[in-house]
């Protein structure tokens, strides 16, 4: 798989020419705070999502030196409620690292793993081939994927306050950690596509249920995220590649993590029996 970091670096130059990027010192300070698990103040002076994207392009290489090479993408704000909260009318894209996908189900992590640590129900897919970039029909999209992976995302929202659209892009949409469940081979047929839409995704801990949502919570269908992402990446001058992992978005709000809990995401109706992925916090 071609390095996503290289693609990101190639995009930095035109982005910088078009947007009022936060300077390198500002982004270096944000990276230091993230690595030290200390919240930062919002970045002042950004007036557009293009500004936030420029900031993201400067942040990702700084963090990938510590969190591993980029291995794919995450799509945030995949429902209208989240978009309204951040003042945008479409999703946003971040880049995920090797560390984002290193932890397996029922693993353990520090509750205070980041500056502003959170947990949310998600779902991941793996790209089979580059035909995904032009696929639009749900079954056609499935033909260009090989795995669906239960996934708990553990985003780091990084900022003490003031998290608007440009700042969300600037912090790379919070990409940091995640928990991978047992991969499910894709079935490229109408029935599997229908089950992705009709399933119910439930986030809970060892005490109570925290959130639940239908598969349709992500842009009306989880697979609708992929054509949107392909178009967004094309606007950046890059594309999805074979082996890329894609975090499709949150089926729940990003909730603060608590120590001593076992968080579980359950997918009801995706397969004959419910599928789960879990993580313990200490």
C-alpha atoms as a PDB file:
ATOM      1  CA  UNK A   1       0.000   0.000   0.000  1.00  0.00           C
ATOM      2  CA  UNK A   2       1.383   3.371  -0.966  1.00  0.00           C
ATOM      3  CA  UNK A   3       2.186   5.472   2.077  1.00  0.00           C
ATOM      4  CA  UNK A   4      -0.763   7.668   3.051  1.00  0.00           C
ATOM      5  CA  UNK A   5       1.742   9.915   4.777  1.00  0.00           C
ATOM      6  CA  UNK A   6       3.395  10.573   1.424  1.00  0.00           C
ATOM      7  CA  UNK A   7       0.042  11.444  -0.097  1.00  0.00           C
ATOM      8  CA  UNK A   8      -0.639  13.780   2.803  1.00  0.00           C
ATOM      9  CA  UNK A   9       2.747  15.451   2.399  1.00  0.00           C
ATOM     10  CA  UNK A  10       2.131  15.973  -1.306  1.00  0.00           C
ATOM     11  CA  UNK A  11      -1.087  17.757  -0.486  1.00  0.00           C
ATOM     12  CA  UNK A  12       0.444  20.154   2.022  1.00  0.00           C
ATOM     13  CA  UNK A  13       1.890  22.560  -0.529  1.00  0.00           C
ATOM     14  CA  UNK A  14      -1.331  23.486  -2.391  1.00  0.00           C
ATOM     15  CA  UNK A  15      -3.274  23.538   0.869  1.00  0.00           C
ATOM     16  CA  UNK A  16      -0.862  26.011   2.409  1.00  0.00           C
ATOM     17  CA  UNK A  17      -1.201  28.260  -0.611  1.00  0.00           C
ATOM     18  CA  UNK A  18      -4.984  28.429  -0.263  1.00  0.00           C
ATOM     19  CA  UNK A  19      -5.552  28.624   3.492  1.00  0.00           C
ATOM     20  CA  UNK A  20      -4.430  30.564   6.529  1.00  0.00           C
ATOM     21  CA  UNK A  21      -2.620  27.692   8.190  1.00  0.00           C
ATOM     22  CA  UNK A  22      -1.647  27.838  11.830  1.00  0.00           C
ATOM     23  CA  UNK A  23       2.118  28.151  11.852  1.00  0.00           C
ATOM     24  CA  UNK A  24       4.492  25.268  12.495  1.00  0.00           C
ATOM     25  CA  UNK A  25       5.197  26.379  16.061  1.00  0.00           C
ATOM     26  CA  UNK A  26       1.482  26.290  16.893  1.00  0.00           C
ATOM     27  CA  UNK A  27       1.067  22.784  15.523  1.00  0.00           C
ATOM     28  CA  UNK A  28       4.265  21.573  17.211  1.00  0.00           C
ATOM     29  CA  UNK A  29       2.898  22.830  20.534  1.00  0.00           C
ATOM     30  CA  UNK A  30      -0.393  20.996  19.924  1.00  0.00           C
ATOM     31  CA  UNK A  31       1.503  17.805  19.113  1.00  0.00           C
ATOM     32  CA  UNK A  32       3.566  18.108  22.303  1.00  0.00           C
ATOM     33  CA  UNK A  33       0.424  18.532  24.376  1.00  0.00           C
ATOM     34  CA  UNK A  34      -1.211  15.514  22.743  1.00  0.00           C
ATOM     35  CA  UNK A  35       1.841  13.373  23.430  1.00  0.00           C
ATOM     36  CA  UNK A  36       1.906  14.614  27.037  1.00  0.00           C
ATOM     37  CA  UNK A  37      -1.859  13.979  27.348  1.00  0.00           C
ATOM     38  CA  UNK A  38      -2.507  17.620  28.155  1.00  0.00           C
ATOM     39  CA  UNK A  39      -5.494  19.563  26.720  1.00  0.00           C
ATOM     40  CA  UNK A  40      -4.775  22.520  24.454  1.00  0.00           C
ATOM     41  CA  UNK A  41      -6.643  25.732  23.850  1.00  0.00           C
ATOM     42  CA  UNK A  42      -8.481  26.061  20.506  1.00  0.00           C
ATOM     43  CA  UNK A  43      -6.376  27.338  17.646  1.00  0.00           C
ATOM     44  CA  UNK A  44      -7.217  30.973  17.016  1.00  0.00           C
ATOM     45  CA  UNK A  45      -7.508  32.618  13.609  1.00  0.00           C
ATOM     46  CA  UNK A  46      -8.948  29.735  11.590  1.00  0.00           C
ATOM     47  CA  UNK A  47     -12.049  30.825   9.684  1.00  0.00           C
ATOM     48  CA  UNK A  48     -12.661  27.889   7.337  1.00  0.00           C
ATOM     49  CA  UNK A  49     -12.365  24.133   7.034  1.00  0.00           C
ATOM     50  CA  UNK A  50      -9.486  24.743   4.604  1.00  0.00           C
ATOM     51  CA  UNK A  51      -7.581  26.318   7.505  1.00  0.00           C
ATOM     52  CA  UNK A  52      -8.292  23.241   9.610  1.00  0.00           C
ATOM     53  CA  UNK A  53      -7.128  20.924   6.837  1.00  0.00           C
ATOM     54  CA  UNK A  54      -3.855  22.825   6.518  1.00  0.00           C
ATOM     55  CA  UNK A  55      -3.352  22.422  10.255  1.00  0.00           C
ATOM     56  CA  UNK A  56      -4.101  18.694   9.997  1.00  0.00           C
ATOM     57  CA  UNK A  57      -1.501  18.319   7.257  1.00  0.00           C
ATOM     58  CA  UNK A  58       1.108  19.790   9.610  1.00  0.00           C
ATOM     59  CA  UNK A  59       0.030  17.737  12.637  1.00  0.00           C
ATOM     60  CA  UNK A  60      -0.146  14.242  11.144  1.00  0.00           C
ATOM     61  CA  UNK A  61       3.588  13.867  10.319  1.00  0.00           C
ATOM     62  CA  UNK A  62       4.475  15.060  13.839  1.00  0.00           C
ATOM     63  CA  UNK A  63       2.271  12.451  15.483  1.00  0.00           C
ATOM     64  CA  UNK A  64       2.996   9.604  13.077  1.00  0.00           C
ATOM     65  CA  UNK A  65       6.598   9.706  14.277  1.00  0.00           C
ATOM     66  CA  UNK A  66       5.241   8.500  17.642  1.00  0.00           C
ATOM     67  CA  UNK A  67       1.980   6.686  16.827  1.00  0.00           C
ATOM     68  CA  UNK A  68       3.078   4.834  13.706  1.00  0.00           C
ATOM     69  CA  UNK A  69       2.557   5.323  10.004  1.00  0.00           C
ATOM     70  CA  UNK A  70      -0.862   6.216   8.609  1.00  0.00           C
ATOM     71  CA  UNK A  71      -2.885   3.116   7.715  1.00  0.00           C
ATOM     72  CA  UNK A  72      -6.179   4.608   6.594  1.00  0.00           C
ATOM     73  CA  UNK A  73      -8.840   7.182   7.351  1.00  0.00           C
ATOM     74  CA  UNK A  74     -11.615   8.051   9.741  1.00  0.00           C
ATOM     75  CA  UNK A  75     -14.761   9.899   8.768  1.00  0.00           C
ATOM     76  CA  UNK A  76     -16.387  12.093  11.377  1.00  0.00           C
ATOM     77  CA  UNK A  77     -19.648  14.021  11.567  1.00  0.00           C
ATOM     78  CA  UNK A  78     -21.596  11.394   9.630  1.00  0.00           C
ATOM     79  CA  UNK A  79     -24.978  12.438  11.013  1.00  0.00           C
ATOM     80  CA  UNK A  80     -26.839  15.769  10.955  1.00  0.00           C
ATOM     81  CA  UNK A  81     -26.857  16.195  14.737  1.00  0.00           C
ATOM     82  CA  UNK A  82     -23.064  16.033  14.934  1.00  0.00           C
ATOM     83  CA  UNK A  83     -22.690  18.323  11.921  1.00  0.00           C
ATOM     84  CA  UNK A  84     -24.974  20.903  13.486  1.00  0.00           C
ATOM     85  CA  UNK A  85     -22.964  20.814  16.695  1.00  0.00           C
ATOM     86  CA  UNK A  86     -19.772  21.667  14.807  1.00  0.00           C
ATOM     87  CA  UNK A  87     -21.307  24.150  12.387  1.00  0.00           C
ATOM     88  CA  UNK A  88     -20.723  22.203   9.169  1.00  0.00           C
ATOM     89  CA  UNK A  89     -23.085  20.543   6.707  1.00  0.00           C
ATOM     90  CA  UNK A  90     -21.020  17.509   5.673  1.00  0.00           C
ATOM     91  CA  UNK A  91     -18.597  14.950   7.158  1.00  0.00           C
ATOM     92  CA  UNK A  92     -14.878  15.509   7.741  1.00  0.00           C
ATOM     93  CA  UNK A  93     -11.874  13.252   7.201  1.00  0.00           C
ATOM     94  CA  UNK A  94      -8.963  12.378   9.473  1.00  0.00           C
ATOM     95  CA  UNK A  95      -6.034  10.003   9.106  1.00  0.00           C
ATOM     96  CA  UNK A  96      -5.582   6.977  11.374  1.00  0.00           C
ATOM     97  CA  UNK A  97      -2.265   5.585  12.576  1.00  0.00           C
ATOM     98  CA  UNK A  98      -0.892   2.138  13.327  1.00  0.00           C
ATOM     99  CA  UNK A  99      -1.590   2.786  17.020  1.00  0.00           C
ATOM    100  CA  UNK A 100      -5.261   3.414  16.182  1.00  0.00           C
ATOM    101  CA  UNK A 101      -5.700  -0.231  15.222  1.00  0.00           C
ATOM    102  CA  UNK A 102      -3.172  -2.057  17.408  1.00  0.00           C
ATOM    103  CA  UNK A 103      -5.458  -3.009  20.320  1.00  0.00           C
ATOM    104  CA  UNK A 104      -7.572  -6.166  19.962  1.00  0.00           C
ATOM    105  CA  UNK A 105     -10.934  -6.893  21.549  1.00  0.00           C
ATOM    106  CA  UNK A 106     -10.940  -7.351  25.336  1.00  0.00           C
ATOM    107  CA  UNK A 107      -7.601  -5.563  25.591  1.00  0.00           C
ATOM    108  CA  UNK A 108      -6.854  -3.031  28.286  1.00  0.00           C
ATOM    109  CA  UNK A 109      -6.005   0.650  28.059  1.00  0.00           C
ATOM    110  CA  UNK A 110      -5.485   3.541  30.448  1.00  0.00           C
ATOM    111  CA  UNK A 111      -8.711   5.462  30.938  1.00  0.00           C
ATOM    112  CA  UNK A 112      -6.620   8.640  30.708  1.00  0.00           C
ATOM    113  CA  UNK A 113      -5.012   7.637  27.408  1.00  0.00           C
ATOM    114  CA  UNK A 114      -5.184  11.114  25.913  1.00  0.00           C
ATOM    115  CA  UNK A 115      -5.628  14.812  26.538  1.00  0.00           C
ATOM    116  CA  UNK A 116      -9.447  14.537  26.311  1.00  0.00           C
ATOM    117  CA  UNK A 117     -10.036  10.762  26.116  1.00  0.00           C
ATOM    118  CA  UNK A 118     -13.368   9.467  24.828  1.00  0.00           C
ATOM    119  CA  UNK A 119     -14.994   6.256  23.577  1.00  0.00           C
ATOM    120  CA  UNK A 120     -17.567   5.708  20.827  1.00  0.00           C
ATOM    121  CA  UNK A 121     -19.242   2.945  18.838  1.00  0.00           C
ATOM    122  CA  UNK A 122     -17.852   2.711  15.311  1.00  0.00           C
ATOM    123  CA  UNK A 123     -17.392   0.268  12.431  1.00  0.00           C
ATOM    124  CA  UNK A 124     -14.369  -0.280  10.206  1.00  0.00           C
ATOM    125  CA  UNK A 125     -13.899  -1.690   6.703  1.00  0.00           C
ATOM    126  CA  UNK A 126     -10.805  -2.691   4.729  1.00  0.00           C
ATOM    127  CA  UNK A 127     -10.384  -1.766   1.069  1.00  0.00           C
ATOM    128  CA  UNK A 128      -9.835  -4.668  -1.334  1.00  0.00           C
ATOM    129  CA  UNK A 129      -8.840  -2.635  -4.393  1.00  0.00           C
ATOM    130  CA  UNK A 130      -8.907   0.814  -5.960  1.00  0.00           C
ATOM    131  CA  UNK A 131     -12.233   0.204  -7.667  1.00  0.00           C
ATOM    132  CA  UNK A 132     -13.703   1.559  -4.430  1.00  0.00           C
ATOM    133  CA  UNK A 133     -12.910   5.080  -5.633  1.00  0.00           C
ATOM    134  CA  UNK A 134     -15.609   4.983  -8.326  1.00  0.00           C
ATOM    135  CA  UNK A 135     -18.093   2.559  -6.723  1.00  0.00           C
ATOM    136  CA  UNK A 136     -21.467   4.063  -5.814  1.00  0.00           C
ATOM    137  CA  UNK A 137     -24.042   1.245  -5.606  1.00  0.00           C
ATOM    138  CA  UNK A 138     -23.990  -0.601  -2.255  1.00  0.00           C
ATOM    139  CA  UNK A 139     -23.288  -4.032  -3.726  1.00  0.00           C
ATOM    140  CA  UNK A 140     -20.642  -2.554  -6.019  1.00  0.00           C
ATOM    141  CA  UNK A 141     -19.002  -0.918  -3.002  1.00  0.00           C
ATOM    142  CA  UNK A 142     -18.980  -4.265  -1.183  1.00  0.00           C
ATOM    143  CA  UNK A 143     -17.163  -5.877  -4.144  1.00  0.00           C
ATOM    144  CA  UNK A 144     -14.225  -3.554  -3.488  1.00  0.00           C
ATOM    145  CA  UNK A 145     -14.038  -4.286   0.269  1.00  0.00           C
ATOM    146  CA  UNK A 146     -12.802  -7.490   1.838  1.00  0.00           C
ATOM    147  CA  UNK A 147     -13.478  -7.065   5.582  1.00  0.00           C
ATOM    148  CA  UNK A 148     -15.968  -5.435   7.915  1.00  0.00           C
ATOM    149  CA  UNK A 149     -14.430  -5.040  11.372  1.00  0.00           C
ATOM    150  CA  UNK A 150     -16.251  -4.325  14.653  1.00  0.00           C
ATOM    151  CA  UNK A 151     -14.486  -1.283  16.048  1.00  0.00           C
ATOM    152  CA  UNK A 152     -14.489   0.823  19.182  1.00  0.00           C
ATOM    153  CA  UNK A 153     -12.902   4.159  18.456  1.00  0.00           C
ATOM    154  CA  UNK A 154     -11.171   5.951  21.316  1.00  0.00           C
ATOM    155  CA  UNK A 155     -10.768   9.505  20.015  1.00  0.00           C
ATOM    156  CA  UNK A 156      -8.734  12.190  21.742  1.00  0.00           C
ATOM    157  CA  UNK A 157     -10.665  15.440  21.385  1.00  0.00           C
ATOM    158  CA  UNK A 158      -7.519  17.309  22.437  1.00  0.00           C
ATOM    159  CA  UNK A 159      -8.986  20.739  23.228  1.00  0.00           C
ATOM    160  CA  UNK A 160     -10.188  22.110  26.553  1.00  0.00           C
ATOM    161  CA  UNK A 161     -12.988  24.021  24.770  1.00  0.00           C
ATOM    162  CA  UNK A 162     -13.949  25.641  21.481  1.00  0.00           C
ATOM    163  CA  UNK A 163     -14.110  22.517  19.305  1.00  0.00           C
ATOM    164  CA  UNK A 164     -15.639  23.846  16.068  1.00  0.00           C
ATOM    165  CA  UNK A 165     -15.333  22.499  12.521  1.00  0.00           C
ATOM    166  CA  UNK A 166     -11.894  23.946  11.667  1.00  0.00           C
ATOM    167  CA  UNK A 167     -10.468  22.900  15.042  1.00  0.00           C
ATOM    168  CA  UNK A 168     -11.894  19.381  14.650  1.00  0.00           C
ATOM    169  CA  UNK A 169     -10.055  19.032  11.345  1.00  0.00           C
ATOM    170  CA  UNK A 170      -6.938  20.596  12.889  1.00  0.00           C
ATOM    171  CA  UNK A 171      -6.790  17.900  15.593  1.00  0.00           C
ATOM    172  CA  UNK A 172      -7.118  15.266  12.843  1.00  0.00           C
ATOM    173  CA  UNK A 173     -10.729  14.549  13.864  1.00  0.00           C
ATOM    174  CA  UNK A 174      -9.408  13.194  17.157  1.00  0.00           C
ATOM    175  CA  UNK A 175      -7.744  10.075  15.708  1.00  0.00           C
ATOM    176  CA  UNK A 176      -5.646   8.312  18.328  1.00  0.00           C
ATOM    177  CA  UNK A 177      -6.609   4.843  19.621  1.00  0.00           C
ATOM    178  CA  UNK A 178      -9.130   2.136  18.818  1.00  0.00           C
ATOM    179  CA  UNK A 179     -10.051  -1.486  19.485  1.00  0.00           C
ATOM    180  CA  UNK A 180     -10.435  -4.062  16.711  1.00  0.00           C
ATOM    181  CA  UNK A 181     -12.906  -6.929  16.901  1.00  0.00           C
ATOM    182  CA  UNK A 182     -12.895 -10.142  14.903  1.00  0.00           C
ATOM    183  CA  UNK A 183     -13.016  -9.322  11.203  1.00  0.00           C
ATOM    184  CA  UNK A 184     -16.070 -10.367   9.180  1.00  0.00           C
ATOM    185  CA  UNK A 185     -15.531 -11.348   5.527  1.00  0.00           C
ATOM    186  CA  UNK A 186     -17.592  -9.168   3.225  1.00  0.00           C
ATOM    187  CA  UNK A 187     -20.492 -10.716   1.340  1.00  0.00           C
ATOM    188  CA  UNK A 188     -21.008  -8.682  -1.828  1.00  0.00           C
ATOM    189  CA  UNK A 189     -24.758  -9.082  -2.108  1.00  0.00           C
ATOM    190  CA  UNK A 190     -27.997  -7.213  -1.415  1.00  0.00           C
ATOM    191  CA  UNK A 191     -28.705  -9.154   1.779  1.00  0.00           C
ATOM    192  CA  UNK A 192     -25.417  -8.181   3.446  1.00  0.00           C
ATOM    193  CA  UNK A 193     -25.892  -4.551   2.387  1.00  0.00           C
ATOM    194  CA  UNK A 194     -29.406  -4.588   3.835  1.00  0.00           C
ATOM    195  CA  UNK A 195     -28.170  -6.028   7.133  1.00  0.00           C
ATOM    196  CA  UNK A 196     -25.585  -3.258   7.468  1.00  0.00           C
ATOM    197  CA  UNK A 197     -28.412  -0.731   7.235  1.00  0.00           C
ATOM    198  CA  UNK A 198     -30.932  -2.542   9.442  1.00  0.00           C
ATOM    199  CA  UNK A 199     -28.560  -3.610  12.235  1.00  0.00           C
ATOM    200  CA  UNK A 200     -28.651  -1.945  15.642  1.00  0.00           C
ATOM    201  CA  UNK A 201     -25.355  -0.796  17.195  1.00  0.00           C
ATOM    202  CA  UNK A 202     -25.286  -0.626  20.991  1.00  0.00           C
ATOM    203  CA  UNK A 203     -22.583   0.932  23.175  1.00  0.00           C
ATOM    204  CA  UNK A 204     -22.556  -0.042  26.835  1.00  0.00           C
ATOM    205  CA  UNK A 205     -20.307  -0.508  29.813  1.00  0.00           C
ATOM    206  CA  UNK A 206     -20.424  -3.031  32.638  1.00  0.00           C
ATOM    207  CA  UNK A 207     -23.066  -0.909  34.386  1.00  0.00           C
ATOM    208  CA  UNK A 208     -25.529   0.204  31.734  1.00  0.00           C
ATOM    209  CA  UNK A 209     -26.344   0.860  28.110  1.00  0.00           C
ATOM    210  CA  UNK A 210     -24.893   4.176  26.956  1.00  0.00           C
ATOM    211  CA  UNK A 211     -26.224   4.594  23.418  1.00  0.00           C
ATOM    212  CA  UNK A 212     -27.850   2.741  20.541  1.00  0.00           C
ATOM    213  CA  UNK A 213     -28.384   3.600  16.888  1.00  0.00           C
ATOM    214  CA  UNK A 214     -29.450   1.940  13.636  1.00  0.00           C
ATOM    215  CA  UNK A 215     -27.020   1.284  10.817  1.00  0.00           C
ATOM    216  CA  UNK A 216     -28.726   4.084   8.926  1.00  0.00           C
ATOM    217  CA  UNK A 217     -27.303   6.606  11.436  1.00  0.00           C
ATOM    218  CA  UNK A 218     -24.233   6.984   9.189  1.00  0.00           C
ATOM    219  CA  UNK A 219     -25.328   9.036   6.157  1.00  0.00           C
ATOM    220  CA  UNK A 220     -28.429   6.860   5.749  1.00  0.00           C
ATOM    221  CA  UNK A 221     -26.310   3.694   5.243  1.00  0.00           C
ATOM    222  CA  UNK A 222     -22.773   2.837   6.460  1.00  0.00           C
ATOM    223  CA  UNK A 223     -21.629   2.207   2.888  1.00  0.00           C
ATOM    224  CA  UNK A 224     -22.635   5.737   1.844  1.00  0.00           C
ATOM    225  CA  UNK A 225     -19.614   6.972   3.778  1.00  0.00           C
ATOM    226  CA  UNK A 226     -17.206   5.476   1.245  1.00  0.00           C
ATOM    227  CA  UNK A 227     -18.247   7.407  -1.903  1.00  0.00           C
ATOM    228  CA  UNK A 228     -18.199  10.587   0.173  1.00  0.00           C
ATOM    229  CA  UNK A 229     -14.694   9.771   1.427  1.00  0.00           C
ATOM    230  CA  UNK A 230     -13.445   8.922  -2.077  1.00  0.00           C
ATOM    231  CA  UNK A 231     -14.636  12.305  -3.326  1.00  0.00           C
ATOM    232  CA  UNK A 232     -13.105  14.122  -0.360  1.00  0.00           C
ATOM    233  CA  UNK A 233      -9.760  12.404  -0.908  1.00  0.00           C
ATOM    234  CA  UNK A 234      -9.903  13.251  -4.612  1.00  0.00           C
ATOM    235  CA  UNK A 235     -10.229  16.907  -3.630  1.00  0.00           C
ATOM    236  CA  UNK A 236      -7.013  16.439  -1.628  1.00  0.00           C
ATOM    237  CA  UNK A 237      -5.237  14.915  -4.611  1.00  0.00           C
ATOM    238  CA  UNK A 238      -5.199  11.326  -3.357  1.00  0.00           C
ATOM    239  CA  UNK A 239      -7.364   8.186  -3.355  1.00  0.00           C
ATOM    240  CA  UNK A 240      -8.193   5.033  -1.443  1.00  0.00           C
ATOM    241  CA  UNK A 241      -5.697   2.188  -1.907  1.00  0.00           C
ATOM    242  CA  UNK A 242      -5.843  -1.565  -1.396  1.00  0.00           C
ATOM    243  CA  UNK A 243      -5.364  -2.359   2.293  1.00  0.00           C
ATOM    244  CA  UNK A 244      -6.545   1.016   3.573  1.00  0.00           C
ATOM    245  CA  UNK A 245      -8.650   0.825   6.724  1.00  0.00           C
ATOM    246  CA  UNK A 246     -11.623   3.159   7.020  1.00  0.00           C
ATOM    247  CA  UNK A 247     -13.368   4.028  10.268  1.00  0.00           C
ATOM    248  CA  UNK A 248     -16.885   4.823   9.043  1.00  0.00           C
ATOM    249  CA  UNK A 249     -18.055   7.086  11.864  1.00  0.00           C
ATOM    250  CA  UNK A 250     -19.694   7.215  15.253  1.00  0.00           C
ATOM    251  CA  UNK A 251     -22.939   5.387  15.992  1.00  0.00           C
ATOM    252  CA  UNK A 252     -22.801   7.058  19.407  1.00  0.00           C
ATOM    253  CA  UNK A 253     -21.568  10.345  20.816  1.00  0.00           C
ATOM    254  CA  UNK A 254     -17.920  10.413  21.909  1.00  0.00           C
ATOM    255  CA  UNK A 255     -18.282   9.846  25.672  1.00  0.00           C
ATOM    256  CA  UNK A 256     -15.642  10.455  28.370  1.00  0.00           C
ATOM    257  CA  UNK A 257     -13.839   7.289  29.429  1.00  0.00           C
ATOM    258  CA  UNK A 258     -13.998   6.130  33.038  1.00  0.00           C
ATOM    259  CA  UNK A 259     -11.425   3.967  34.804  1.00  0.00           C
ATOM    260  CA  UNK A 260     -12.336   0.433  35.847  1.00  0.00           C
ATOM    261  CA  UNK A 261     -14.949  -0.097  33.156  1.00  0.00           C
ATOM    262  CA  UNK A 262     -15.481  -2.638  30.393  1.00  0.00           C
ATOM    263  CA  UNK A 263     -16.894  -0.938  27.291  1.00  0.00           C
ATOM    264  CA  UNK A 264     -18.659  -3.093  24.705  1.00  0.00           C
ATOM    265  CA  UNK A 265     -20.071  -2.365  21.285  1.00  0.00           C
ATOM    266  CA  UNK A 266     -22.637  -4.897  20.070  1.00  0.00           C
ATOM    267  CA  UNK A 267     -23.935  -5.207  16.504  1.00  0.00           C
ATOM    268  CA  UNK A 268     -27.382  -6.777  16.482  1.00  0.00           C
ATOM    269  CA  UNK A 269     -28.687  -8.115  13.174  1.00  0.00           C
ATOM    270  CA  UNK A 270     -25.454  -7.936  11.195  1.00  0.00           C
ATOM    271  CA  UNK A 271     -24.890 -11.698  11.491  1.00  0.00           C
ATOM    272  CA  UNK A 272     -27.118 -14.511  12.767  1.00  0.00           C
ATOM    273  CA  UNK A 273     -25.834 -13.918  16.307  1.00  0.00           C
ATOM    274  CA  UNK A 274     -24.852 -10.538  17.808  1.00  0.00           C
ATOM    275  CA  UNK A 275     -21.230  -9.508  17.224  1.00  0.00           C
ATOM    276  CA  UNK A 276     -19.265  -7.733  19.981  1.00  0.00           C
ATOM    277  CA  UNK A 277     -16.010  -5.891  20.536  1.00  0.00           C
ATOM    278  CA  UNK A 278     -14.878  -4.747  23.982  1.00  0.00           C
ATOM    279  CA  UNK A 279     -12.143  -2.930  25.873  1.00  0.00           C
ATOM    280  CA  UNK A 280     -11.260  -2.600  29.565  1.00  0.00           C
ATOM    281  CA  UNK A 281     -10.001   0.625  31.134  1.00  0.00           C
ATOM    282  CA  UNK A 282      -7.723   0.932  34.122  1.00  0.00           C
END
